[in-house]
Amino acid sequence: MSDKSIYDAIPYIEKASILLLTVGEEAAANILKQLGPKEVQRIGTSMATLSDVKRERVAAVFNAFIAEITNTTGFGIGADSYVRNMLTRALGAEKASGIIDRILLGGNTQGLDTLKWMDARAISDVIKQEHPQIQAIVIAYLEGDLSAEVLSYLPENMRLDVIVRVAKLDTVQPDALNELNNILERQFSGGSSAQKRRIGGTKVAADIMTNLDGSIESELMGALGDIDSELADIIQDLMFVFANLLDVDDRGIQLLLREVSNEGLVIALKGADEELREKIYNNMS
């Protein structure tokens, strides 16, 4: 089997783990510093559980990485493009996307990134005295399960207002991010670099609702339906997440795939995680 065939068959998380185990402790530590807490946990767990990895798999990962880096240069393109292309080729589009955002967005999200390492109750304590729009930006920026936990720790009379604001967020102006960063600077260090960015929206609100405790979710959805039934319907539709397909047996997946066009499947899988993609691929005839 060729190096490429071996490399293509290795899951992304295992590729990253093999690469980090290959480059040495210092280089691996410097790479891990650029990752978020969940990425560190996933890769760390994978690295700790790797055993008896065949030499050809290690060689395939390392050779592919070296080939991609060697064939990528910064000449003739901007530094941002170089970083984006290098990380995407090295780690894959899904894994690289979050890292690229953190690297290229500049200092105006440094305080927000710090929050990702904090306990949900502590984050709630930090933001509960702030304006609901600030609370919404913070909650929209965090990942779904952490967002849901932070929202659940806010006072009950605040939750509906915040989730509605999350659902209606789109792009956040630089001054809003800078204001938020100034607030967080009272407890953390950070800089500012004004860039407009997209954050929030109905999909983010749906992700948060999906991760809430059932009773809180039902209460919020009921209240949201009373004040904005159209928005509630949109969020409800989005709450059936693609990841729910992990709970469907192989026969069900096969039946579903017969009804989905190849083009639609390709688009859908772009946002899916590695485990779900593997489940879909294994059921394709």
C-alpha atoms as a PDB file:
ATOM      1  CA  MET A   1       0.000   0.000   0.000  1.00  0.00           C
ATOM      2  CA  SER A   2       1.354   3.452  -0.904  1.00  0.00           C
ATOM      3  CA  ASP A   3       2.144   6.181   1.627  1.00  0.00           C
ATOM      4  CA  LYS A   4      -0.789   8.216   0.298  1.00  0.00           C
ATOM      5  CA  SER A   5      -3.251   5.341   0.717  1.00  0.00           C
ATOM      6  CA  ILE A   6      -2.049   4.740   4.275  1.00  0.00           C
ATOM      7  CA  TYR A   7      -2.175   8.481   5.064  1.00  0.00           C
ATOM      8  CA  ASP A   8      -5.707   8.909   3.659  1.00  0.00           C
ATOM      9  CA  ALA A   9      -6.967   6.042   5.827  1.00  0.00           C
ATOM     10  CA  ILE A  10      -5.716   7.546   9.102  1.00  0.00           C
ATOM     11  CA  PRO A  11      -8.241   9.694  11.049  1.00  0.00           C
ATOM     12  CA  TYR A  12      -7.258  13.366  11.424  1.00  0.00           C
ATOM     13  CA  ILE A  13      -6.969  13.143  15.210  1.00  0.00           C
ATOM     14  CA  GLU A  14      -4.534  10.238  14.906  1.00  0.00           C
ATOM     15  CA  LYS A  15      -2.511  12.114  12.268  1.00  0.00           C
ATOM     16  CA  ALA A  16      -2.145  15.061  14.614  1.00  0.00           C
ATOM     17  CA  SER A  17      -1.213  12.775  17.499  1.00  0.00           C
ATOM     18  CA  ILE A  18       1.389  10.876  15.493  1.00  0.00           C
ATOM     19  CA  LEU A  19       2.887  14.123  14.221  1.00  0.00           C
ATOM     20  CA  LEU A  20       3.151  15.613  17.706  1.00  0.00           C
ATOM     21  CA  LEU A  21       4.725  12.440  19.062  1.00  0.00           C
ATOM     22  CA  THR A  22       7.221  12.535  16.203  1.00  0.00           C
ATOM     23  CA  VAL A  23       8.438  16.140  16.394  1.00  0.00           C
ATOM     24  CA  GLY A  24       9.628  16.013  20.009  1.00  0.00           C
ATOM     25  CA  GLU A  25       8.384  17.442  23.307  1.00  0.00           C
ATOM     26  CA  GLU A  26       9.435  21.065  22.799  1.00  0.00           C
ATOM     27  CA  ALA A  27       7.950  21.422  19.313  1.00  0.00           C
ATOM     28  CA  ALA A  28       4.810  19.555  20.367  1.00  0.00           C
ATOM     29  CA  ALA A  29       4.399  21.832  23.401  1.00  0.00           C
ATOM     30  CA  ASN A  30       4.710  24.953  21.217  1.00  0.00           C
ATOM     31  CA  ILE A  31       2.030  23.596  18.871  1.00  0.00           C
ATOM     32  CA  LEU A  32      -0.324  22.673  21.715  1.00  0.00           C
ATOM     33  CA  LYS A  33      -0.030  26.233  23.091  1.00  0.00           C
ATOM     34  CA  GLN A  34      -1.866  27.431  19.967  1.00  0.00           C
ATOM     35  CA  LEU A  35      -4.829  25.111  20.507  1.00  0.00           C
ATOM     36  CA  GLY A  36      -7.989  25.501  22.524  1.00  0.00           C
ATOM     37  CA  PRO A  37      -8.763  23.448  25.634  1.00  0.00           C
ATOM     38  CA  LYS A  38     -10.965  20.926  23.854  1.00  0.00           C
ATOM     39  CA  GLU A  39      -8.447  20.423  21.072  1.00  0.00           C
ATOM     40  CA  VAL A  40      -5.705  19.883  23.653  1.00  0.00           C
ATOM     41  CA  GLN A  41      -7.883  17.382  25.504  1.00  0.00           C
ATOM     42  CA  ARG A  42      -8.815  15.441  22.344  1.00  0.00           C
ATOM     43  CA  ILE A  43      -5.264  15.277  21.044  1.00  0.00           C
ATOM     44  CA  GLY A  44      -3.808  14.580  24.487  1.00  0.00           C
ATOM     45  CA  THR A  45      -6.216  11.697  25.009  1.00  0.00           C
ATOM     46  CA  SER A  46      -5.417  10.331  21.560  1.00  0.00           C
ATOM     47  CA  MET A  47      -1.667  10.612  22.153  1.00  0.00           C
ATOM     48  CA  ALA A  48      -1.956   8.861  25.514  1.00  0.00           C
ATOM     49  CA  THR A  49      -3.931   5.950  24.068  1.00  0.00           C
ATOM     50  CA  LEU A  50      -1.848   5.409  20.937  1.00  0.00           C
ATOM     51  CA  SER A  51       0.071   2.155  21.142  1.00  0.00           C
ATOM     52  CA  ASP A  52       1.781  -0.177  18.725  1.00  0.00           C
ATOM     53  CA  VAL A  53       1.450   2.257  15.841  1.00  0.00           C
ATOM     54  CA  LYS A  54       2.863   0.631  12.744  1.00  0.00           C
ATOM     55  CA  ARG A  55       6.013   2.197  11.397  1.00  0.00           C
ATOM     56  CA  GLU A  56       4.465   2.701   7.961  1.00  0.00           C
ATOM     57  CA  ARG A  57       1.655   4.805   9.481  1.00  0.00           C
ATOM     58  CA  VAL A  58       4.145   7.040  11.267  1.00  0.00           C
ATOM     59  CA  ALA A  59       6.207   7.356   8.083  1.00  0.00           C
ATOM     60  CA  ALA A  60       3.127   8.164   6.001  1.00  0.00           C
ATOM     61  CA  VAL A  61       2.035  10.974   8.352  1.00  0.00           C
ATOM     62  CA  PHE A  62       5.491  12.482   8.698  1.00  0.00           C
ATOM     63  CA  ASN A  63       6.316  12.236   4.985  1.00  0.00           C
ATOM     64  CA  ALA A  64       2.985  13.805   4.011  1.00  0.00           C
ATOM     65  CA  PHE A  65       3.542  16.661   6.454  1.00  0.00           C
ATOM     66  CA  ILE A  66       7.077  17.302   5.190  1.00  0.00           C
ATOM     67  CA  ALA A  67       5.906  17.133   1.567  1.00  0.00           C
ATOM     68  CA  GLU A  68       3.113  19.631   2.162  1.00  0.00           C
ATOM     69  CA  ILE A  69       5.312  22.087   4.049  1.00  0.00           C
ATOM     70  CA  THR A  70       8.110  21.771   1.488  1.00  0.00           C
ATOM     71  CA  ASN A  71       5.731  22.433  -1.380  1.00  0.00           C
ATOM     72  CA  THR A  72       4.226  25.505   0.296  1.00  0.00           C
ATOM     73  CA  THR A  73       6.100  28.802   0.239  1.00  0.00           C
ATOM     74  CA  GLY A  74       5.278  32.321   1.288  1.00  0.00           C
ATOM     75  CA  PHE A  75       6.613  33.883  -1.894  1.00  0.00           C
ATOM     76  CA  GLY A  76       4.052  35.821  -3.880  1.00  0.00           C
ATOM     77  CA  ILE A  77       1.264  35.526  -1.294  1.00  0.00           C
ATOM     78  CA  GLY A  78       0.405  37.330   1.923  1.00  0.00           C
ATOM     79  CA  ALA A  79       1.420  35.924   5.274  1.00  0.00           C
ATOM     80  CA  ASP A  80      -2.217  35.244   6.193  1.00  0.00           C
ATOM     81  CA  SER A  81      -2.736  33.143   3.076  1.00  0.00           C
ATOM     82  CA  TYR A  82       0.474  31.249   3.741  1.00  0.00           C
ATOM     83  CA  VAL A  83      -0.551  30.410   7.308  1.00  0.00           C
ATOM     84  CA  ARG A  84      -4.083  29.452   6.254  1.00  0.00           C
ATOM     85  CA  ASN A  85      -2.883  27.193   3.435  1.00  0.00           C
ATOM     86  CA  MET A  86      -0.122  25.589   5.481  1.00  0.00           C
ATOM     87  CA  LEU A  87      -2.363  24.713   8.438  1.00  0.00           C
ATOM     88  CA  THR A  88      -5.196  23.490   6.225  1.00  0.00           C
ATOM     89  CA  ARG A  89      -2.891  21.203   4.282  1.00  0.00           C
ATOM     90  CA  ALA A  90      -1.112  19.980   7.376  1.00  0.00           C
ATOM     91  CA  LEU A  91      -4.128  19.366   9.622  1.00  0.00           C
ATOM     92  CA  GLY A  92      -7.162  19.255   7.328  1.00  0.00           C
ATOM     93  CA  ALA A  93      -9.808  21.930   6.850  1.00  0.00           C
ATOM     94  CA  GLU A  94     -11.947  21.013   9.874  1.00  0.00           C
ATOM     95  CA  LYS A  95      -9.114  20.876  12.407  1.00  0.00           C
ATOM     96  CA  ALA A  96      -7.342  23.922  11.021  1.00  0.00           C
ATOM     97  CA  SER A  97     -10.354  26.247  10.909  1.00  0.00           C
ATOM     98  CA  GLY A  98     -10.500  27.064  14.630  1.00  0.00           C
ATOM     99  CA  ILE A  99      -6.746  27.443  14.873  1.00  0.00           C
ATOM    100  CA  ILE A 100      -6.689  29.768  11.845  1.00  0.00           C
ATOM    101  CA  ASP A 101      -9.357  31.980  13.434  1.00  0.00           C
ATOM    102  CA  ARG A 102      -7.372  32.363  16.626  1.00  0.00           C
ATOM    103  CA  ILE A 103      -4.112  33.091  14.807  1.00  0.00           C
ATOM    104  CA  LEU A 104      -5.417  35.509  12.195  1.00  0.00           C
ATOM    105  CA  LEU A 105      -8.105  37.423  14.096  1.00  0.00           C
ATOM    106  CA  GLY A 106      -5.600  39.345  16.163  1.00  0.00           C
ATOM    107  CA  GLY A 107      -5.649  40.385  19.787  1.00  0.00           C
ATOM    108  CA  ASN A 108      -9.276  41.429  20.008  1.00  0.00           C
ATOM    109  CA  THR A 109     -10.365  37.905  20.985  1.00  0.00           C
ATOM    110  CA  GLN A 110      -7.574  37.195  23.445  1.00  0.00           C
ATOM    111  CA  GLY A 111      -9.816  37.764  26.438  1.00  0.00           C
ATOM    112  CA  LEU A 112     -12.546  35.615  24.926  1.00  0.00           C
ATOM    113  CA  ASP A 113     -10.073  32.792  24.346  1.00  0.00           C
ATOM    114  CA  THR A 114      -9.041  33.023  27.986  1.00  0.00           C
ATOM    115  CA  LEU A 115     -12.664  32.407  28.983  1.00  0.00           C
ATOM    116  CA  LYS A 116     -12.604  29.052  27.172  1.00  0.00           C
ATOM    117  CA  TRP A 117     -10.238  27.717  29.818  1.00  0.00           C
ATOM    118  CA  MET A 118     -12.439  28.807  32.717  1.00  0.00           C
ATOM    119  CA  ASP A 119     -15.146  26.991  34.631  1.00  0.00           C
ATOM    120  CA  ALA A 120     -18.673  27.754  33.399  1.00  0.00           C
ATOM    121  CA  ARG A 121     -19.802  29.136  36.747  1.00  0.00           C
ATOM    122  CA  ALA A 122     -16.778  31.453  36.855  1.00  0.00           C
ATOM    123  CA  ILE A 123     -17.561  32.755  33.360  1.00  0.00           C
ATOM    124  CA  SER A 124     -21.150  33.366  34.422  1.00  0.00           C
ATOM    125  CA  ASP A 125     -19.919  35.332  37.443  1.00  0.00           C
ATOM    126  CA  VAL A 126     -17.706  37.450  35.143  1.00  0.00           C
ATOM    127  CA  ILE A 127     -20.507  38.438  32.762  1.00  0.00           C
ATOM    128  CA  LYS A 128     -23.716  38.416  34.802  1.00  0.00           C
ATOM    129  CA  GLN A 129     -23.389  42.114  35.729  1.00  0.00           C
ATOM    130  CA  GLU A 130     -22.691  43.166  32.125  1.00  0.00           C
ATOM    131  CA  HIS A 131     -25.127  44.308  29.446  1.00  0.00           C
ATOM    132  CA  PRO A 132     -27.146  41.447  27.899  1.00  0.00           C
ATOM    133  CA  GLN A 133     -25.523  42.132  24.514  1.00  0.00           C
ATOM    134  CA  ILE A 134     -22.076  41.556  26.043  1.00  0.00           C
ATOM    135  CA  GLN A 135     -23.368  38.369  27.641  1.00  0.00           C
ATOM    136  CA  ALA A 136     -24.727  37.227  24.273  1.00  0.00           C
ATOM    137  CA  ILE A 137     -21.412  37.851  22.483  1.00  0.00           C
ATOM    138  CA  VAL A 138     -19.505  35.858  25.110  1.00  0.00           C
ATOM    139  CA  ILE A 139     -21.968  32.953  25.058  1.00  0.00           C
ATOM    140  CA  ALA A 140     -22.069  32.901  21.254  1.00  0.00           C
ATOM    141  CA  TYR A 141     -18.280  32.780  21.096  1.00  0.00           C
ATOM    142  CA  LEU A 142     -17.910  29.801  23.448  1.00  0.00           C
ATOM    143  CA  GLU A 143     -18.474  26.231  22.279  1.00  0.00           C
ATOM    144  CA  GLY A 144     -21.971  24.744  22.463  1.00  0.00           C
ATOM    145  CA  ASP A 145     -21.781  22.684  25.659  1.00  0.00           C
ATOM    146  CA  LEU A 146     -19.819  25.345  27.550  1.00  0.00           C
ATOM    147  CA  SER A 147     -22.170  28.051  26.213  1.00  0.00           C
ATOM    148  CA  ALA A 148     -25.164  26.103  27.445  1.00  0.00           C
ATOM    149  CA  GLU A 149     -23.644  25.611  30.885  1.00  0.00           C
ATOM    150  CA  VAL A 150     -22.790  29.312  31.209  1.00  0.00           C
ATOM    151  CA  LEU A 151     -26.311  30.268  30.137  1.00  0.00           C
ATOM    152  CA  SER A 152     -27.811  27.887  32.695  1.00  0.00           C
ATOM    153  CA  TYR A 153     -25.823  29.601  35.478  1.00  0.00           C
ATOM    154  CA  LEU A 154     -27.180  33.045  34.580  1.00  0.00           C
ATOM    155  CA  PRO A 155     -30.224  34.195  36.566  1.00  0.00           C
ATOM    156  CA  GLU A 156     -33.407  32.699  35.167  1.00  0.00           C
ATOM    157  CA  ASN A 157     -34.859  36.098  34.242  1.00  0.00           C
ATOM    158  CA  MET A 158     -31.838  36.841  31.991  1.00  0.00           C
ATOM    159  CA  ARG A 159     -31.709  33.642  29.941  1.00  0.00           C
ATOM    160  CA  LEU A 160     -34.454  34.345  27.406  1.00  0.00           C
ATOM    161  CA  ASP A 161     -33.158  37.823  26.558  1.00  0.00           C
ATOM    162  CA  VAL A 162     -29.638  36.447  26.087  1.00  0.00           C
ATOM    163  CA  ILE A 163     -30.617  33.504  23.828  1.00  0.00           C
ATOM    164  CA  VAL A 164     -32.740  35.815  21.658  1.00  0.00           C
ATOM    165  CA  ARG A 165     -29.763  38.165  21.276  1.00  0.00           C
ATOM    166  CA  VAL A 166     -27.495  35.221  20.392  1.00  0.00           C
ATOM    167  CA  ALA A 167     -29.930  34.116  17.691  1.00  0.00           C
ATOM    168  CA  LYS A 168     -30.055  37.623  16.206  1.00  0.00           C
ATOM    169  CA  LEU A 169     -26.294  38.236  16.296  1.00  0.00           C
ATOM    170  CA  ASP A 170     -24.506  38.386  12.973  1.00  0.00           C
ATOM    171  CA  THR A 171     -21.329  40.382  12.511  1.00  0.00           C
ATOM    172  CA  VAL A 172     -19.926  42.056  15.600  1.00  0.00           C
ATOM    173  CA  GLN A 173     -18.430  45.495  15.080  1.00  0.00           C
ATOM    174  CA  PRO A 174     -14.839  46.179  16.194  1.00  0.00           C
ATOM    175  CA  ASP A 175     -15.931  48.621  18.887  1.00  0.00           C
ATOM    176  CA  ALA A 176     -18.146  45.945  20.459  1.00  0.00           C
ATOM    177  CA  LEU A 177     -15.270  43.469  20.549  1.00  0.00           C
ATOM    178  CA  ASN A 178     -12.948  46.131  21.925  1.00  0.00           C
ATOM    179  CA  GLU A 179     -15.492  47.061  24.614  1.00  0.00           C
ATOM    180  CA  LEU A 180     -15.751  43.415  25.586  1.00  0.00           C
ATOM    181  CA  ASN A 181     -11.988  43.073  25.633  1.00  0.00           C
ATOM    182  CA  ASN A 182     -11.696  46.158  27.870  1.00  0.00           C
ATOM    183  CA  ILE A 183     -14.163  44.567  30.276  1.00  0.00           C
ATOM    184  CA  LEU A 184     -12.197  41.327  30.359  1.00  0.00           C
ATOM    185  CA  GLU A 185      -8.911  43.217  30.766  1.00  0.00           C
ATOM    186  CA  ARG A 186     -10.005  44.072  34.280  1.00  0.00           C
ATOM    187  CA  GLN A 187      -9.359  40.423  35.100  1.00  0.00           C
ATOM    188  CA  PHE A 188      -7.092  39.229  32.293  1.00  0.00           C
ATOM    189  CA  SER A 189      -4.357  40.734  30.130  1.00  0.00           C
ATOM    190  CA  GLY A 190      -5.014  41.328  26.441  1.00  0.00           C
ATOM    191  CA  GLY A 191      -4.591  43.695  23.538  1.00  0.00           C
ATOM    192  CA  SER A 192      -6.929  45.078  20.919  1.00  0.00           C
ATOM    193  CA  SER A 193      -6.949  44.854  17.171  1.00  0.00           C
ATOM    194  CA  ALA A 194     -10.115  46.105  15.521  1.00  0.00           C
ATOM    195  CA  GLN A 195     -11.499  43.584  13.101  1.00  0.00           C
ATOM    196  CA  LYS A 196     -15.115  42.951  12.242  1.00  0.00           C
ATOM    197  CA  ARG A 197     -16.106  39.323  12.670  1.00  0.00           C
ATOM    198  CA  ARG A 198     -19.111  37.037  12.315  1.00  0.00           C
ATOM    199  CA  ILE A 199     -20.406  35.532  15.543  1.00  0.00           C
ATOM    200  CA  GLY A 200     -23.711  34.172  16.793  1.00  0.00           C
ATOM    201  CA  GLY A 201     -26.828  33.515  14.734  1.00  0.00           C
ATOM    202  CA  THR A 202     -29.681  31.025  14.839  1.00  0.00           C
ATOM    203  CA  LYS A 203     -27.375  28.008  14.370  1.00  0.00           C
ATOM    204  CA  VAL A 204     -25.303  29.026  17.394  1.00  0.00           C
ATOM    205  CA  ALA A 205     -28.471  29.580  19.421  1.00  0.00           C
ATOM    206  CA  ALA A 206     -29.722  26.132  18.383  1.00  0.00           C
ATOM    207  CA  ASP A 207     -26.407  24.531  19.387  1.00  0.00           C
ATOM    208  CA  ILE A 208     -26.638  26.170  22.806  1.00  0.00           C
ATOM    209  CA  MET A 209     -30.253  25.062  23.258  1.00  0.00           C
ATOM    210  CA  THR A 210     -29.342  21.501  22.277  1.00  0.00           C
ATOM    211  CA  ASN A 211     -26.753  21.385  25.049  1.00  0.00           C
ATOM    212  CA  LEU A 212     -29.008  22.815  27.760  1.00  0.00           C
ATOM    213  CA  ASP A 213     -30.622  20.725  30.462  1.00  0.00           C
ATOM    214  CA  GLY A 214     -33.999  19.492  29.182  1.00  0.00           C
ATOM    215  CA  SER A 215     -36.137  21.499  31.585  1.00  0.00           C
ATOM    216  CA  ILE A 216     -34.291  24.763  30.865  1.00  0.00           C
ATOM    217  CA  GLU A 217     -34.457  24.110  27.119  1.00  0.00           C
ATOM    218  CA  SER A 218     -38.225  23.491  27.230  1.00  0.00           C
ATOM    219  CA  GLU A 219     -38.814  26.574  29.348  1.00  0.00           C
ATOM    220  CA  LEU A 220     -36.778  28.820  27.045  1.00  0.00           C
ATOM    221  CA  MET A 221     -38.279  27.417  23.846  1.00  0.00           C
ATOM    222  CA  GLY A 222     -41.775  27.950  25.235  1.00  0.00           C
ATOM    223  CA  ALA A 223     -41.028  31.531  26.230  1.00  0.00           C
ATOM    224  CA  LEU A 224     -39.291  32.218  22.923  1.00  0.00           C
ATOM    225  CA  GLY A 225     -42.316  30.905  21.036  1.00  0.00           C
ATOM    226  CA  ASP A 226     -44.505  33.361  22.923  1.00  0.00           C
ATOM    227  CA  ILE A 227     -42.450  36.414  21.934  1.00  0.00           C
ATOM    228  CA  ASP A 228     -41.157  35.388  18.464  1.00  0.00           C
ATOM    229  CA  SER A 229     -42.751  32.236  17.067  1.00  0.00           C
ATOM    230  CA  GLU A 230     -40.927  32.481  13.728  1.00  0.00           C
ATOM    231  CA  LEU A 231     -37.514  32.629  15.406  1.00  0.00           C
ATOM    232  CA  ALA A 232     -38.508  29.777  17.718  1.00  0.00           C
ATOM    233  CA  ASP A 233     -39.474  27.617  14.717  1.00  0.00           C
ATOM    234  CA  ILE A 234     -36.150  28.301  12.992  1.00  0.00           C
ATOM    235  CA  ILE A 235     -34.176  27.386  16.107  1.00  0.00           C
ATOM    236  CA  GLN A 236     -36.303  24.287  16.693  1.00  0.00           C
ATOM    237  CA  ASP A 237     -35.628  23.084  13.143  1.00  0.00           C
ATOM    238  CA  LEU A 238     -31.893  23.608  13.593  1.00  0.00           C
ATOM    239  CA  MET A 239     -31.850  21.684  16.864  1.00  0.00           C
ATOM    240  CA  PHE A 240     -31.873  18.407  14.980  1.00  0.00           C
ATOM    241  CA  VAL A 241     -28.160  18.488  14.489  1.00  0.00           C
ATOM    242  CA  PHE A 242     -26.292  16.467  11.906  1.00  0.00           C
ATOM    243  CA  ALA A 243     -24.402  14.795  14.740  1.00  0.00           C
ATOM    244  CA  ASN A 244     -27.651  13.085  15.823  1.00  0.00           C
ATOM    245  CA  LEU A 245     -26.983  10.684  12.963  1.00  0.00           C
ATOM    246  CA  LEU A 246     -24.377   9.022  15.196  1.00  0.00           C
ATOM    247  CA  ASP A 247     -27.332   7.477  17.035  1.00  0.00           C
ATOM    248  CA  VAL A 248     -28.807   6.005  13.828  1.00  0.00           C
ATOM    249  CA  ASP A 249     -27.872   2.401  13.052  1.00  0.00           C
ATOM    250  CA  ASP A 250     -26.016   1.446   9.873  1.00  0.00           C
ATOM    251  CA  ARG A 251     -29.184   0.274   8.115  1.00  0.00           C
ATOM    252  CA  GLY A 252     -30.835   3.633   8.774  1.00  0.00           C
ATOM    253  CA  ILE A 253     -27.791   5.505   7.484  1.00  0.00           C
ATOM    254  CA  GLN A 254     -27.799   3.428   4.303  1.00  0.00           C
ATOM    255  CA  LEU A 255     -31.482   4.177   3.711  1.00  0.00           C
ATOM    256  CA  LEU A 256     -30.889   7.865   4.311  1.00  0.00           C
ATOM    257  CA  LEU A 257     -27.961   7.996   1.889  1.00  0.00           C
ATOM    258  CA  ARG A 258     -30.195   6.698  -0.908  1.00  0.00           C
ATOM    259  CA  GLU A 259     -32.310   9.831  -0.569  1.00  0.00           C
ATOM    260  CA  VAL A 260     -29.451  12.343  -0.444  1.00  0.00           C
ATOM    261  CA  SER A 261     -27.658  13.707  -3.503  1.00  0.00           C
ATOM    262  CA  ASN A 262     -23.890  13.425  -3.649  1.00  0.00           C
ATOM    263  CA  GLU A 263     -23.622  17.218  -3.864  1.00  0.00           C
ATOM    264  CA  GLY A 264     -25.769  17.698  -0.780  1.00  0.00           C
ATOM    265  CA  LEU A 265     -23.816  15.062   1.115  1.00  0.00           C
ATOM    266  CA  VAL A 266     -20.481  16.723   0.318  1.00  0.00           C
ATOM    267  CA  ILE A 267     -21.761  20.088   1.576  1.00  0.00           C
ATOM    268  CA  ALA A 268     -23.203  18.560   4.751  1.00  0.00           C
ATOM    269  CA  LEU A 269     -20.071  16.604   5.597  1.00  0.00           C
ATOM    270  CA  LYS A 270     -17.931  19.744   5.462  1.00  0.00           C
ATOM    271  CA  GLY A 271     -19.303  20.705   8.857  1.00  0.00           C
ATOM    272  CA  ALA A 272     -19.271  17.217  10.341  1.00  0.00           C
ATOM    273  CA  ASP A 273     -16.705  15.888  12.772  1.00  0.00           C
ATOM    274  CA  GLU A 274     -14.377  13.005  12.013  1.00  0.00           C
ATOM    275  CA  GLU A 275     -16.419  10.318  13.800  1.00  0.00           C
ATOM    276  CA  LEU A 276     -19.577  11.159  11.854  1.00  0.00           C
ATOM    277  CA  ARG A 277     -17.735  11.353   8.521  1.00  0.00           C
ATOM    278  CA  GLU A 278     -16.282   7.895   9.117  1.00  0.00           C
ATOM    279  CA  LYS A 279     -19.729   6.508   9.960  1.00  0.00           C
ATOM    280  CA  ILE A 280     -21.145   7.949   6.718  1.00  0.00           C
ATOM    281  CA  TYR A 281     -18.225   6.764   4.584  1.00  0.00           C
ATOM    282  CA  ASN A 282     -18.430   3.250   6.027  1.00  0.00           C
ATOM    283  CA  ASN A 283     -22.055   3.006   4.917  1.00  0.00           C
ATOM    284  CA  MET A 284     -21.559   4.292   1.382  1.00  0.00           C
ATOM    285  CA  SER A 285     -21.779   1.593  -1.266  1.00  0.00           C
END
